[in-house]
C-alpha atoms as a PDB file:
ATOM      1  CA  MET A   1       0.216  -0.073   0.390  1.00  0.00           C
ATOM      2  CA  ILE A   2       1.336   3.353  -0.784  1.00  0.00           C
ATOM      3  CA  LEU A   3      -0.240   6.486   0.637  1.00  0.00           C
ATOM      4  CA  THR A   4      -0.125  10.534   0.387  1.00  0.00           C
ATOM      5  CA  ASN A   5      -0.476  13.186   2.656  1.00  0.00           C
ATOM      6  CA  SER A   6      -3.632  13.699  -0.022  1.00  0.00           C
ATOM      7  CA  GLN A   7      -5.223  10.106   0.492  1.00  0.00           C
ATOM      8  CA  ILE A   8      -4.838  10.807   3.889  1.00  0.00           C
ATOM      9  CA  GLN A   9      -6.573  13.533   4.791  1.00  0.00           C
ATOM     10  CA  THR A  10      -9.571  11.967   2.716  1.00  0.00           C
ATOM     11  CA  TRP A  11      -9.839   9.615   4.222  1.00  0.00           C
ATOM     12  CA  LEU A  12      -9.899  10.953   8.100  1.00  0.00           C
ATOM     13  CA  ASP A  13     -12.095  14.258   6.244  1.00  0.00           C
ATOM     14  CA  CYS A  14     -14.330  11.862   4.627  1.00  0.00           C
ATOM     15  CA  ARG A  15     -14.812   8.020   4.065  1.00  0.00           C
ATOM     16  CA  ARG A  16     -17.417   7.993   0.610  1.00  0.00           C
ATOM     17  CA  TYR A  17     -15.400  10.874  -0.364  1.00  0.00           C
ATOM     18  CA  HIS A  18     -12.436   8.469   0.025  1.00  0.00           C
ATOM     19  CA  LYS A  19     -14.222   5.346  -1.372  1.00  0.00           C
ATOM     20  CA  PHE A  20     -15.179   7.656  -4.526  1.00  0.00           C
ATOM     21  CA  CYS A  21     -11.408   8.735  -5.110  1.00  0.00           C
ATOM     22  CA  TYR A  22      -9.492   5.533  -3.947  1.00  0.00           C
ATOM     23  CA  VAL A  23     -11.628   2.432  -4.410  1.00  0.00           C
ATOM     24  CA  ASP A  24     -13.583   3.387  -7.364  1.00  0.00           C
ATOM     25  CA  LEU A  25     -10.743   5.820  -8.898  1.00  0.00           C
ATOM     26  CA  LEU A  26     -13.402   8.505 -10.194  1.00  0.00           C
ATOM     27  CA  LYS A  27     -12.872  12.123 -10.793  1.00  0.00           C
ATOM     28  CA  PRO A  28     -14.948  15.320 -11.990  1.00  0.00           C
ATOM     29  CA  VAL A  29     -14.284  15.440 -15.674  1.00  0.00           C
ATOM     30  CA  GLU A  30     -13.619  18.888 -15.586  1.00  0.00           C
ATOM     31  CA  ILE A  31     -10.934  20.523 -12.597  1.00  0.00           C
ATOM     32  CA  SER A  32     -12.474  23.525 -10.791  1.00  0.00           C
ATOM     33  CA  PRO A  33     -11.349  26.949 -11.708  1.00  0.00           C
ATOM     34  CA  GLU A  34      -9.245  27.160  -8.027  1.00  0.00           C
ATOM     35  CA  LEU A  35      -7.771  23.932  -8.670  1.00  0.00           C
ATOM     36  CA  ARG A  36      -6.585  24.593 -12.101  1.00  0.00           C
ATOM     37  CA  ILE A  37      -5.133  28.217 -10.682  1.00  0.00           C
ATOM     38  CA  GLY A  38      -3.381  26.456  -8.066  1.00  0.00           C
ATOM     39  CA  SER A  39      -1.863  23.600 -10.791  1.00  0.00           C
ATOM     40  CA  ALA A  40      -1.003  26.938 -13.097  1.00  0.00           C
ATOM     41  CA  VAL A  41       0.864  28.801 -10.864  1.00  0.00           C
ATOM     42  CA  HIS A  42       2.754  25.861  -9.195  1.00  0.00           C
ATOM     43  CA  TYR A  43       3.849  25.228 -13.124  1.00  0.00           C
ATOM     44  CA  GLY A  44       5.175  28.866 -13.486  1.00  0.00           C
ATOM     45  CA  LEU A  45       6.937  28.734 -10.166  1.00  0.00           C
ATOM     46  CA  ARG A  46       8.712  25.884 -11.721  1.00  0.00           C
ATOM     47  CA  PHE A  47       9.818  27.344 -15.009  1.00  0.00           C
ATOM     48  CA  HIS A  48      10.485  30.621 -12.998  1.00  0.00           C
ATOM     49  CA  TYR A  49      13.028  28.980 -10.954  1.00  0.00           C
ATOM     50  CA  LEU A  50      14.324  26.428 -13.611  1.00  0.00           C
ATOM     51  CA  ASN A  51      14.301  29.174 -16.188  1.00  0.00           C
ATOM     52  CA  GLY A  52      12.857  32.127 -15.549  1.00  0.00           C
ATOM     53  CA  LYS A  53      10.395  31.138 -18.579  1.00  0.00           C
ATOM     54  CA  SER A  54       7.366  31.474 -16.675  1.00  0.00           C
ATOM     55  CA  PHE A  55       4.737  33.301 -18.672  1.00  0.00           C
ATOM     56  CA  ASP A  56       5.748  31.110 -21.365  1.00  0.00           C
ATOM     57  CA  ALA A  57       4.611  28.186 -19.203  1.00  0.00           C
ATOM     58  CA  ILE A  58       1.466  29.405 -18.315  1.00  0.00           C
ATOM     59  CA  ILE A  59       0.600  30.148 -21.951  1.00  0.00           C
ATOM     60  CA  ARG A  60       1.507  26.647 -22.631  1.00  0.00           C
ATOM     61  CA  PHE A  61      -0.554  25.927 -19.876  1.00  0.00           C
ATOM     62  CA  TYR A  62      -3.905  27.117 -20.480  1.00  0.00           C
ATOM     63  CA  GLU A  63      -3.563  26.107 -24.382  1.00  0.00           C
ATOM     64  CA  ASN A  64      -2.766  22.940 -22.684  1.00  0.00           C
ATOM     65  CA  THR A  65      -6.157  23.156 -20.758  1.00  0.00           C
ATOM     66  CA  SER A  66      -8.450  24.182 -23.406  1.00  0.00           C
ATOM     67  CA  GLU A  67      -7.278  21.569 -25.799  1.00  0.00           C
ATOM     68  CA  SER A  68      -8.457  19.136 -22.195  1.00  0.00           C
ATOM     69  CA  LEU A  69     -11.726  20.306 -22.688  1.00  0.00           C
ATOM     70  CA  LEU A  70     -12.434  19.962 -26.134  1.00  0.00           C
ATOM     71  CA  SER A  71     -11.204  16.586 -25.977  1.00  0.00           C
ATOM     72  CA  THR A  72     -14.604  16.073 -24.030  1.00  0.00           C
ATOM     73  CA  GLU A  73     -17.951  16.791 -23.967  1.00  0.00           C
ATOM     74  CA  ILE A  74     -17.527  20.116 -22.356  1.00  0.00           C
ATOM     75  CA  MET A  75     -17.269  23.544 -24.232  1.00  0.00           C
ATOM     76  CA  PRO A  76     -14.666  25.545 -22.381  1.00  0.00           C
ATOM     77  CA  ASP A  77     -15.338  29.180 -21.485  1.00  0.00           C
ATOM     78  CA  MET A  78     -12.794  30.840 -22.907  1.00  0.00           C
ATOM     79  CA  ASP A  79     -13.488  34.141 -21.400  1.00  0.00           C
ATOM     80  CA  SER A  80     -13.000  32.507 -18.130  1.00  0.00           C
ATOM     81  CA  ILE A  81     -10.225  30.644 -19.206  1.00  0.00           C
ATOM     82  CA  GLU A  82      -8.280  33.687 -20.310  1.00  0.00           C
ATOM     83  CA  THR A  83      -9.371  35.622 -17.209  1.00  0.00           C
ATOM     84  CA  GLU A  84      -7.711  33.012 -15.259  1.00  0.00           C
ATOM     85  CA  ARG A  85      -4.533  33.024 -17.629  1.00  0.00           C
ATOM     86  CA  CYS A  86      -4.420  37.169 -17.191  1.00  0.00           C
ATOM     87  CA  LEU A  87      -4.897  36.335 -13.150  1.00  0.00           C
ATOM     88  CA  VAL A  88      -1.793  33.904 -12.802  1.00  0.00           C
ATOM     89  CA  SER A  89       0.331  35.562 -15.039  1.00  0.00           C
ATOM     90  CA  ASN A  90      -0.330  39.201 -12.881  1.00  0.00           C
ATOM     91  CA  MET A  91       0.280  36.934  -9.742  1.00  0.00           C
ATOM     92  CA  LEU A  92       3.827  35.325 -11.134  1.00  0.00           C
ATOM     93  CA  ASN A  93       4.437  38.762 -12.432  1.00  0.00           C
ATOM     94  CA  GLY A  94       4.481  40.861  -9.003  1.00  0.00           C
ATOM     95  CA  TYR A  95       5.977  37.311  -7.137  1.00  0.00           C
ATOM     96  CA  ARG A  96       8.955  37.398  -9.961  1.00  0.00           C
ATOM     97  CA  ASN A  97       9.684  41.419  -9.180  1.00  0.00           C
ATOM     98  CA  TYR A  98       8.888  41.442  -5.557  1.00  0.00           C
ATOM     99  CA  TYR A  99      11.664  38.373  -5.227  1.00  0.00           C
ATOM    100  CA  MET A 100      14.023  39.580  -7.937  1.00  0.00           C
ATOM    101  CA  ASN A 101      16.707  40.287  -5.573  1.00  0.00           C
ATOM    102  CA  GLU A 102      17.056  36.852  -3.455  1.00  0.00           C
ATOM    103  CA  GLU A 103      19.894  34.478  -3.641  1.00  0.00           C
ATOM    104  CA  ILE A 104      18.546  31.104  -3.923  1.00  0.00           C
ATOM    105  CA  LYS A 105      20.311  27.682  -5.214  1.00  0.00           C
ATOM    106  CA  VAL A 106      17.266  25.677  -6.641  1.00  0.00           C
ATOM    107  CA  LEU A 107      18.165  22.149  -6.160  1.00  0.00           C
ATOM    108  CA  GLU A 108      14.685  20.295  -7.607  1.00  0.00           C
ATOM    109  CA  THR A 109      11.648  20.729  -8.245  1.00  0.00           C
ATOM    110  CA  GLU A 110       8.489  18.655  -8.370  1.00  0.00           C
ATOM    111  CA  GLN A 111      10.611  15.884  -6.885  1.00  0.00           C
ATOM    112  CA  VAL A 112       8.526  12.429  -5.956  1.00  0.00           C
ATOM    113  CA  ILE A 113       9.932  10.783  -2.902  1.00  0.00           C
ATOM    114  CA  LYS A 114       9.156   7.328  -1.287  1.00  0.00           C
ATOM    115  CA  THR A 115       9.898   6.143   1.539  1.00  0.00           C
ATOM    116  CA  ASN A 116       9.064   2.635   3.341  1.00  0.00           C
ATOM    117  CA  ILE A 117       6.895   2.817   6.621  1.00  0.00           C
ATOM    118  CA  THR A 118       6.654  -0.853   6.995  1.00  0.00           C
ATOM    119  CA  ASN A 119       6.986  -3.941   4.601  1.00  0.00           C
ATOM    120  CA  ASP A 120       4.304  -3.939   2.942  1.00  0.00           C
ATOM    121  CA  ILE A 121       3.280   0.264   3.662  1.00  0.00           C
ATOM    122  CA  TRP A 122       5.026   3.042   2.028  1.00  0.00           C
ATOM    123  CA  PHE A 123       4.719   7.137   2.073  1.00  0.00           C
ATOM    124  CA  ALA A 124       5.208   9.131  -0.811  1.00  0.00           C
ATOM    125  CA  GLY A 125       4.838  12.226  -2.468  1.00  0.00           C
ATOM    126  CA  ARG A 126       5.801  15.442  -4.846  1.00  0.00           C
ATOM    127  CA  LEU A 127       7.733  18.263  -3.386  1.00  0.00           C
ATOM    128  CA  ASP A 128       7.380  21.169  -5.101  1.00  0.00           C
ATOM    129  CA  MET A 129      11.022  22.305  -4.840  1.00  0.00           C
ATOM    130  CA  ILE A 130      14.237  21.937  -2.799  1.00  0.00           C
ATOM    131  CA  ALA A 131      16.737  24.829  -2.826  1.00  0.00           C
ATOM    132  CA  GLU A 132      19.589  26.718  -0.856  1.00  0.00           C
ATOM    133  CA  ILE A 133      19.716  29.948   0.743  1.00  0.00           C
ATOM    134  CA  ASP A 134      23.074  30.982   2.671  1.00  0.00           C
ATOM    135  CA  ASN A 135      24.004  27.405   2.508  1.00  0.00           C
ATOM    136  CA  ASN A 136      20.718  25.912   3.940  1.00  0.00           C
ATOM    137  CA  LYS A 137      18.854  23.764   2.485  1.00  0.00           C
ATOM    138  CA  TRP A 138      14.821  24.393   2.758  1.00  0.00           C
ATOM    139  CA  LEU A 139      11.869  22.357   1.242  1.00  0.00           C
ATOM    140  CA  PHE A 140       9.645  25.065  -0.220  1.00  0.00           C
ATOM    141  CA  GLU A 141       5.813  24.269  -0.435  1.00  0.00           C
ATOM    142  CA  HIS A 142       4.086  26.946  -2.632  1.00  0.00           C
ATOM    143  CA  LYS A 143       0.518  27.183  -2.084  1.00  0.00           C
ATOM    144  CA  THR A 144      -2.237  29.625  -3.561  1.00  0.00           C
ATOM    145  CA  THR A 145      -5.217  31.395  -0.827  1.00  0.00           C
ATOM    146  CA  SER A 146      -7.752  33.996  -1.496  1.00  0.00           C
ATOM    147  CA  SER A 147      -7.497  34.671   2.273  1.00  0.00           C
ATOM    148  CA  LEU A 148      -4.430  34.634   5.405  1.00  0.00           C
ATOM    149  CA  GLU A 149      -7.466  35.167   8.032  1.00  0.00           C
ATOM    150  CA  ASN A 150      -8.769  32.611  10.638  1.00  0.00           C
ATOM    151  CA  GLY A 151      -5.441  31.465  11.359  1.00  0.00           C
ATOM    152  CA  TYR A 152      -3.838  30.153   8.291  1.00  0.00           C
ATOM    153  CA  PHE A 153      -0.668  30.300   9.732  1.00  0.00           C
ATOM    154  CA  ASP A 154      -1.272  29.379  12.748  1.00  0.00           C
ATOM    155  CA  LYS A 155      -2.228  25.874  11.707  1.00  0.00           C
ATOM    156  CA  LEU A 156       1.252  24.940  10.566  1.00  0.00           C
ATOM    157  CA  ALA A 157       2.153  24.394  13.573  1.00  0.00           C
ATOM    158  CA  ILE A 158       0.429  20.910  13.801  1.00  0.00           C
ATOM    159  CA  ASP A 159      -0.278  20.451  10.552  1.00  0.00           C
ATOM    160  CA  PRO A 160       0.328  17.133   9.333  1.00  0.00           C
ATOM    161  CA  GLN A 161       1.120  17.498   5.660  1.00  0.00           C
ATOM    162  CA  VAL A 162       3.426  19.561   6.654  1.00  0.00           C
ATOM    163  CA  THR A 163       4.889  16.970   9.008  1.00  0.00           C
ATOM    164  CA  GLY A 164       4.522  14.529   6.152  1.00  0.00           C
ATOM    165  CA  TYR A 165       6.359  16.677   3.686  1.00  0.00           C
ATOM    166  CA  SER A 166       9.313  17.292   6.205  1.00  0.00           C
ATOM    167  CA  TYR A 167       9.576  13.392   6.994  1.00  0.00           C
ATOM    168  CA  LEU A 168       9.825  12.645   3.192  1.00  0.00           C
ATOM    169  CA  VAL A 169      12.358  15.240   2.536  1.00  0.00           C
ATOM    170  CA  THR A 170      14.655  14.424   5.518  1.00  0.00           C
ATOM    171  CA  GLN A 171      14.929  10.635   4.183  1.00  0.00           C
ATOM    172  CA  LYS A 172      16.905  12.616   0.868  1.00  0.00           C
ATOM    173  CA  TYR A 173      18.132  15.618   2.425  1.00  0.00           C
ATOM    174  CA  PRO A 174      19.388  14.749   6.546  1.00  0.00           C
ATOM    175  CA  ASP A 175      20.703  18.320   6.672  1.00  0.00           C
ATOM    176  CA  ILE A 176      17.199  20.021   5.560  1.00  0.00           C
ATOM    177  CA  CYS A 177      16.443  22.873   7.738  1.00  0.00           C
ATOM    178  CA  GLY A 178      12.707  23.211   7.283  1.00  0.00           C
ATOM    179  CA  VAL A 179       9.493  23.888   5.577  1.00  0.00           C
ATOM    180  CA  VAL A 180       8.965  27.481   3.644  1.00  0.00           C
ATOM    181  CA  TYR A 181       5.918  27.915   3.558  1.00  0.00           C
ATOM    182  CA  ASN A 182       5.857  30.044   0.377  1.00  0.00           C
ATOM    183  CA  VAL A 183       1.886  31.679   0.086  1.00  0.00           C
ATOM    184  CA  LEU A 184       0.977  33.604  -2.970  1.00  0.00           C
ATOM    185  CA  ARG A 185      -2.719  35.575  -2.766  1.00  0.00           C
ATOM    186  CA  LYS A 186      -5.458  35.349  -5.416  1.00  0.00           C
ATOM    187  CA  PRO A 187      -6.107  39.470  -6.328  1.00  0.00           C
ATOM    188  CA  SER A 188      -8.602  40.818  -3.985  1.00  0.00           C
ATOM    189  CA  ILE A 189      -9.737  43.443  -6.005  1.00  0.00           C
ATOM    190  CA  ARG A 190     -12.804  43.245  -8.276  1.00  0.00           C
ATOM    191  CA  GLN A 191     -13.787  44.835 -11.810  1.00  0.00           C
ATOM    192  CA  LYS A 192     -15.631  47.709 -11.484  1.00  0.00           C
ATOM    193  CA  GLN A 193     -19.057  48.596 -13.231  1.00  0.00           C
ATOM    194  CA  ASN A 194     -17.469  50.639 -15.946  1.00  0.00           C
ATOM    195  CA  GLU A 195     -13.920  49.224 -16.268  1.00  0.00           C
ATOM    196  CA  THR A 196     -12.970  47.067 -19.073  1.00  0.00           C
ATOM    197  CA  ILE A 197     -10.942  43.701 -18.725  1.00  0.00           C
ATOM    198  CA  GLU A 198      -8.359  45.247 -20.102  1.00  0.00           C
ATOM    199  CA  GLU A 199      -8.350  48.103 -17.361  1.00  0.00           C
ATOM    200  CA  PHE A 200      -9.064  45.831 -14.719  1.00  0.00           C
ATOM    201  CA  TYR A 201      -6.752  43.591 -15.760  1.00  0.00           C
ATOM    202  CA  GLN A 202      -4.097  46.477 -15.806  1.00  0.00           C
ATOM    203  CA  ARG A 203      -5.316  47.329 -12.278  1.00  0.00           C
ATOM    204  CA  MET A 204      -4.781  43.902 -10.857  1.00  0.00           C
ATOM    205  CA  ARG A 205      -1.372  43.757 -12.319  1.00  0.00           C
ATOM    206  CA  ASN A 206      -0.402  47.110 -10.159  1.00  0.00           C
ATOM    207  CA  ASP A 207      -2.329  46.316  -7.403  1.00  0.00           C
ATOM    208  CA  TYR A 208       0.068  43.142  -6.716  1.00  0.00           C
ATOM    209  CA  LEU A 209       2.770  45.477  -8.031  1.00  0.00           C
ATOM    210  CA  GLU A 210       2.196  47.965  -5.523  1.00  0.00           C
ATOM    211  CA  ARG A 211       1.088  45.339  -2.705  1.00  0.00           C
ATOM    212  CA  PRO A 212       3.239  42.653  -2.654  1.00  0.00           C
ATOM    213  CA  GLU A 213       3.599  42.485   1.044  1.00  0.00           C
ATOM    214  CA  PHE A 214       0.151  41.719   0.961  1.00  0.00           C
ATOM    215  CA  TYR A 215       0.319  38.938  -1.833  1.00  0.00           C
ATOM    216  CA  PHE A 216       3.334  37.362  -0.922  1.00  0.00           C
ATOM    217  CA  GLN A 217       4.116  35.763   2.251  1.00  0.00           C
ATOM    218  CA  ARG A 218       6.563  33.155   3.796  1.00  0.00           C
ATOM    219  CA  ARG A 219       6.139  31.588   7.272  1.00  0.00           C
ATOM    220  CA  GLU A 220       9.456  29.096   7.858  1.00  0.00           C
ATOM    221  CA  VAL A 221       8.365  25.773   9.650  1.00  0.00           C
ATOM    222  CA  VAL A 222      10.080  23.099  11.647  1.00  0.00           C
ATOM    223  CA  ARG A 223       9.529  19.926  12.640  1.00  0.00           C
ATOM    224  CA  ASN A 224      11.741  18.384  15.604  1.00  0.00           C
ATOM    225  CA  ASP A 225      13.025  14.756  15.940  1.00  0.00           C
ATOM    226  CA  LYS A 226      10.418  13.293  18.056  1.00  0.00           C
ATOM    227  CA  GLU A 227       7.652  15.016  15.488  1.00  0.00           C
ATOM    228  CA  LEU A 228       9.414  13.177  12.711  1.00  0.00           C
ATOM    229  CA  ALA A 229       9.908  10.241  14.541  1.00  0.00           C
ATOM    230  CA  GLU A 230       6.008   9.712  15.095  1.00  0.00           C
ATOM    231  CA  PHE A 231       5.422  10.525  12.041  1.00  0.00           C
ATOM    232  CA  PRO A 232       5.749   6.674  10.442  1.00  0.00           C
ATOM    233  CA  ILE A 233       3.372   5.452  13.346  1.00  0.00           C
ATOM    234  CA  TYR A 234       0.334   7.944  12.273  1.00  0.00           C
ATOM    235  CA  VAL A 235       0.894   6.945   8.600  1.00  0.00           C
ATOM    236  CA  LYS A 236       1.381   3.213   9.566  1.00  0.00           C
ATOM    237  CA  ASN A 237      -2.157   3.484  12.005  1.00  0.00           C
ATOM    238  CA  VAL A 238      -4.225   5.111   9.447  1.00  0.00           C
ATOM    239  CA  ALA A 239      -3.098   2.445   6.499  1.00  0.00           C
ATOM    240  CA  GLY A 240      -4.434  -0.322   9.178  1.00  0.00           C
ATOM    241  CA  GLU A 241      -7.367   1.603   9.580  1.00  0.00           C
ATOM    242  CA  ILE A 242      -8.022   1.715   5.546  1.00  0.00           C
ATOM    243  CA  GLN A 243      -7.515  -1.978   5.569  1.00  0.00           C
ATOM    244  CA  TYR A 244      -9.726  -2.598   8.348  1.00  0.00           C
ATOM    245  CA  HIS A 245     -12.345  -0.843   6.961  1.00  0.00           C
ATOM    246  CA  ARG A 246     -12.201  -1.376   3.173  1.00  0.00           C
ATOM    247  CA  ASN A 247     -15.962  -2.143   3.033  1.00  0.00           C
ATOM    248  CA  PHE A 248     -16.993   0.676   5.400  1.00  0.00           C
ATOM    249  CA  PHE A 249     -17.701   3.900   4.109  1.00  0.00           C
ATOM    250  CA  PRO A 250     -19.774   5.989   6.303  1.00  0.00           C
ATOM    251  CA  ARG A 251     -20.763   9.599   5.238  1.00  0.00           C
ATOM    252  CA  ASN A 252     -19.147  12.774   7.246  1.00  0.00           C
ATOM    253  CA  THR A 253     -21.770  15.395   6.236  1.00  0.00           C
ATOM    254  CA  ARG A 254     -19.708  17.837   8.308  1.00  0.00           C
ATOM    255  CA  GLN A 255     -17.377  17.815   5.209  1.00  0.00           C
ATOM    256  CA  CYS A 256     -20.396  18.308   2.298  1.00  0.00           C
ATOM    257  CA  SER A 257     -20.029  22.166   2.051  1.00  0.00           C
ATOM    258  CA  LEU A 258     -16.643  23.250   3.810  1.00  0.00           C
ATOM    259  CA  TYR A 259     -14.800  24.168   0.658  1.00  0.00           C
ATOM    260  CA  GLY A 260     -18.285  24.646  -1.476  1.00  0.00           C
ATOM    261  CA  LYS A 261     -20.166  21.706  -3.115  1.00  0.00           C
ATOM    262  CA  CYS A 262     -19.217  18.232  -2.542  1.00  0.00           C
ATOM    263  CA  THR A 263     -17.727  16.830  -6.263  1.00  0.00           C
ATOM    264  CA  PHE A 264     -19.612  13.931  -5.365  1.00  0.00           C
ATOM    265  CA  ARG A 265     -22.134  15.639  -3.611  1.00  0.00           C
ATOM    266  CA  SER A 266     -24.887  13.766  -6.035  1.00  0.00           C
ATOM    267  CA  LEU A 267     -22.780  10.480  -6.393  1.00  0.00           C
ATOM    268  CA  CYS A 268     -23.096  10.271  -2.805  1.00  0.00           C
ATOM    269  CA  ILE A 269     -26.902  11.043  -2.415  1.00  0.00           C
ATOM    270  CA  GLU A 270     -28.116   8.435  -4.415  1.00  0.00           C
ATOM    271  CA  TYR A 271     -25.384   6.078  -5.758  1.00  0.00           C
ATOM    272  CA  SER A 272     -26.123   4.619  -9.611  1.00  0.00           C
ATOM    273  CA  PRO A 273     -23.687   2.868 -12.461  1.00  0.00           C
ATOM    274  CA  GLU A 274     -25.046   5.523 -14.600  1.00  0.00           C
ATOM    275  CA  LEU A 275     -24.477   8.140 -12.945  1.00  0.00           C
ATOM    276  CA  ALA A 276     -20.622   7.016 -11.823  1.00  0.00           C
ATOM    277  CA  SER A 277     -20.301   6.683 -15.658  1.00  0.00           C
ATOM    278  CA  THR A 278     -20.517  10.338 -16.215  1.00  0.00           C
ATOM    279  CA  TYR A 279     -16.932  10.839 -13.964  1.00  0.00           C
ATOM    280  CA  ALA A 280     -13.820  10.425 -15.932  1.00  0.00           C
ATOM    281  CA  LYS A 281     -11.733   7.607 -14.612  1.00  0.00           C
ATOM    282  CA  LYS A 282      -8.014   8.032 -12.727  1.00  0.00           C
ATOM    283  CA  THR A 283      -5.293   6.751 -14.798  1.00  0.00           C
ATOM    284  CA  SER A 284      -3.608   5.304 -11.286  1.00  0.00           C
ATOM    285  CA  LEU A 285      -4.256   5.517  -7.347  1.00  0.00           C
ATOM    286  CA  HIS A 286      -2.106   8.727  -7.050  1.00  0.00           C
ATOM    287  CA  GLU A 287      -2.065  10.720 -10.389  1.00  0.00           C
ATOM    288  CA  GLU A 288      -0.513  13.338  -9.068  1.00  0.00           C
ATOM    289  CA  LEU A 289       2.934  11.414  -8.496  1.00  0.00           C
ATOM    290  CA  ASP A 290       2.658  10.273 -12.173  1.00  0.00           C
ATOM    291  CA  ALA A 291       1.997  13.595 -13.648  1.00  0.00           C
ATOM    292  CA  GLU A 292       4.836  15.472 -15.553  1.00  0.00           C
ATOM    293  CA  PHE A 293       4.767  18.959 -16.376  1.00  0.00           C
END
């Protein structure tokens, strides 16, 4: 069994959702705009740090997105796609301008690491970027968000995802200092009533340049030896739960609207093979480990 942070969190959040994702291997035909924007930012940052061609990468990302949607029965909203592309381009332009003088040596990007927990249990993940700053190695985790309210950074002290990534990276880089939580904020401004779309894009671009401290923040997060030593036990116990309850998938209705409408809401209410067939099939259990940019 191979577990990832995403699968563990899905299991803890809602076992019925876990069944749809990791047993039935279902996924929505179209990725949500929020997930697409996050993926686009990751894509752009990778090329920013590798060769500086983040904007060419974003153009290619959204060209591929449009082609992918056209290959399905979904008619893409090209205006929405263009709005997303401009948003991400403005975000990356502001990021590049804000951090243009940082001295950073990139060691790896989008690295998949897998480590053995027990004889038949593995833990794996795709790490955003490993880099050196002042001769110290750090794992960078890139995140996009609409808000930094409600203790956004406070949760990092006990966030199991951060612990998981910290544990993974120490398997390859024992001298790693910790995790740099690298946050890019989505625009806080909206288009005005009499403002053209071009004027709005330019105002958004200027806002990123004029208020970089509002949009770009970082936090260093460190896990001690005790926390890292306890993490394999945590993974082993979650794996045991998944194996023991592999035929029991109760709903957790507290999660139904936590992040908007659940992807599998209709299927959860009344399952049918016909409805299940309207979803796409994942190519593997953990597609995020297989994805190539």
